[in-house]
Amino acid sequence: DASANVTTLVIEGMLRWDTSQDGLELTASYILLQGGTFEIGSEEHPMLLRATVRFTAEQDHEIFGTRFLGGGGTIRIHGKRMTTWSLLARPLRSGGTTLQVQDPSVADSWQIGDRIGIVSTRRSGSSTHLIA
């Protein structure tokens, strides 16, 4: 029912996110599953509100390093169903503020405050943008 900021998190049982709370945040260097389950939403009750898992570089794990969610366990993350990618319908212009996608249903699901990634067809040039 509340946000948490911990150095590391080891899950041996069940950590189930409260899907009725908007804007909860979990911050840790890593989240290690040791036979446990990490769940944000379910197929029957997906997470439809804002939920943030943020990784810091405060502490390393001796095997996996830092900034990870994993190990030996189950990870279930279910959110709003949507198409998550589309090709651009037109090239982007440098400094532009609009884009047109080939599949308009992708943009129909965007909300103010969402972040989108634009991936270049070249080896560099990918970027993240905030929907305003």
Protein backbone atom coordinates (compact mmCIF):
# COMPACT_ATOMS: atom_id res chain seq x y z
CA ASP A 1 0.00 0.00 0.00
CA ALA A 2 3.06 2.27 0.05
CA SER A 3 6.11 2.99 -2.08
CA ALA A 4 9.39 1.40 -0.96
CA ASN A 5 13.04 2.37 -1.33
CA VAL A 6 15.41 -0.44 -0.32
CA THR A 7 19.04 -1.24 -1.06
CA THR A 8 18.24 -4.76 -2.30
CA LEU A 9 15.18 -7.00 -2.30
CA VAL A 10 15.22 -10.81 -2.07
CA ILE A 11 11.87 -12.54 -2.66
CA GLU A 12 11.43 -16.06 -1.32
CA GLY A 13 7.63 -15.95 -1.07
CA MET A 14 5.17 -13.74 -2.96
CA LEU A 15 5.42 -10.01 -3.62
CA ARG A 16 2.09 -8.90 -5.12
CA TRP A 17 1.71 -5.28 -6.21
CA ASP A 18 -1.45 -3.50 -5.02
CA THR A 19 -3.21 -2.84 -8.34
CA SER A 20 -5.71 -0.47 -6.69
CA GLN A 21 -2.98 2.07 -5.82
CA ASP A 22 -1.83 4.63 -8.41
CA GLY A 23 1.77 5.83 -8.57
CA LEU A 24 3.46 3.29 -6.31
CA GLU A 25 7.23 3.01 -6.75
CA LEU A 26 9.71 0.31 -5.79
CA THR A 27 13.39 1.33 -5.85
CA ALA A 28 16.27 -1.12 -5.32
CA SER A 29 19.74 -1.97 -6.65
CA TYR A 30 18.32 -5.34 -7.62
CA ILE A 31 15.39 -7.68 -7.03
CA LEU A 32 16.50 -11.28 -6.62
CA LEU A 33 13.99 -14.12 -6.78
CA GLN A 34 14.94 -17.17 -4.73
CA GLY A 35 12.03 -19.48 -5.50
CA GLY A 36 9.59 -16.62 -5.00
CA THR A 37 7.12 -14.75 -7.20
CA PHE A 38 7.09 -11.07 -8.22
CA GLU A 39 3.68 -10.04 -9.54
CA ILE A 40 2.32 -6.77 -10.87
CA GLY A 41 -1.26 -7.45 -11.99
CA SER A 42 -2.67 -10.70 -13.34
CA GLU A 43 -4.44 -11.76 -16.51
CA GLU A 44 -7.79 -11.40 -14.71
CA HIS A 45 -6.85 -8.12 -12.96
CA PRO A 46 -4.11 -6.28 -14.92
CA MET A 47 -2.34 -3.24 -13.49
CA LEU A 48 -4.09 -0.29 -15.14
CA LEU A 49 -2.57 2.44 -12.97
CA ARG A 50 0.96 3.86 -12.82
CA ALA A 51 3.54 1.49 -11.31
CA THR A 52 7.28 2.12 -11.34
CA VAL A 53 10.17 -0.23 -10.60
CA ARG A 54 13.41 1.74 -10.53
CA PHE A 55 16.90 0.28 -10.26
CA THR A 56 19.87 2.06 -8.71
CA ALA A 57 23.56 1.16 -8.70
CA GLU A 58 24.01 1.21 -4.92
CA GLN A 59 25.02 -2.42 -4.42
CA ASP A 60 26.26 -5.28 -6.61
CA HIS A 61 25.17 -8.90 -6.38
CA GLU A 62 28.22 -11.21 -6.49
CA ILE A 63 26.90 -13.16 -9.52
CA PHE A 64 24.37 -11.00 -11.34
CA GLY A 65 25.77 -7.53 -10.74
CA THR A 66 23.34 -4.67 -10.27
CA ARG A 67 20.12 -3.31 -11.77
CA PHE A 68 18.27 -6.58 -12.39
CA LEU A 69 15.01 -8.38 -11.69
CA GLY A 70 15.54 -12.12 -11.87
CA GLY A 71 17.09 -15.23 -10.42
CA GLY A 72 15.20 -18.44 -9.74
CA GLY A 73 11.50 -17.73 -9.48
CA THR A 74 8.45 -16.41 -11.30
CA ILE A 75 7.93 -12.92 -12.71
CA ARG A 76 4.39 -11.94 -13.75
CA ILE A 77 3.71 -8.46 -15.09
CA HIS A 78 0.30 -7.77 -16.62
CA GLY A 79 -0.80 -4.32 -17.69
CA LYS A 80 -3.27 -2.79 -20.08
CA ARG A 81 -3.49 -4.79 -23.31
CA MET A 82 -2.24 -2.77 -26.25
CA THR A 83 -0.21 -2.97 -29.41
CA THR A 84 3.24 -1.92 -28.33
CA TRP A 85 4.98 -1.02 -31.57
CA SER A 86 4.46 0.26 -35.10
CA LEU A 87 6.53 1.43 -38.01
CA LEU A 88 6.52 5.14 -38.77
CA ALA A 89 4.25 6.22 -41.62
CA ARG A 90 6.55 9.15 -42.43
CA PRO A 91 10.18 9.97 -41.59
CA LEU A 92 10.74 12.09 -38.49
CA ARG A 93 12.10 15.58 -38.86
CA SER A 94 14.84 16.76 -36.52
CA GLY A 95 13.27 18.93 -33.81
CA GLY A 96 9.74 17.88 -34.79
CA THR A 97 7.00 17.48 -32.19
CA THR A 98 4.68 15.06 -34.00
CA LEU A 99 4.97 11.65 -35.57
CA GLN A 100 2.67 9.49 -37.63
CA VAL A 101 2.60 5.71 -37.22
CA GLN A 102 1.38 3.09 -39.69
CA ASP A 103 -0.85 1.46 -37.05
CA PRO A 104 -2.95 4.28 -35.51
CA SER A 105 -4.26 1.98 -32.74
CA VAL A 106 -0.78 2.21 -31.18
CA ALA A 107 -1.05 5.98 -30.69
CA ASP A 108 -4.69 5.71 -29.58
CA SER A 109 -3.53 4.08 -26.35
CA TRP A 110 -0.92 6.75 -25.50
CA GLN A 111 -1.69 9.06 -22.60
CA ILE A 112 -0.08 12.27 -21.40
CA GLY A 113 2.89 11.32 -19.25
CA ASP A 114 3.63 8.07 -21.14
CA ARG A 115 7.13 7.51 -22.44
CA ILE A 116 7.70 6.10 -25.92
CA GLY A 117 10.87 4.84 -27.53
CA ILE A 118 11.82 5.58 -31.10
CA VAL A 119 14.29 3.09 -32.49
CA SER A 120 16.46 3.96 -35.45
CA THR A 121 17.00 1.56 -38.34
CA ARG A 122 20.66 2.53 -38.07
CA ARG A 123 23.00 1.39 -35.31
CA SER A 124 22.54 4.60 -33.35
CA GLY A 125 19.95 7.27 -32.86
CA SER A 126 17.38 5.54 -30.64
CA SER A 127 15.67 7.84 -28.13
CA THR A 128 12.95 8.07 -25.49
CA HIS A 129 10.26 10.77 -25.54
CA LEU A 130 7.57 11.97 -23.14
CA ILE A 131 3.99 12.33 -24.39
CA ALA A 132 2.87 15.85 -23.42
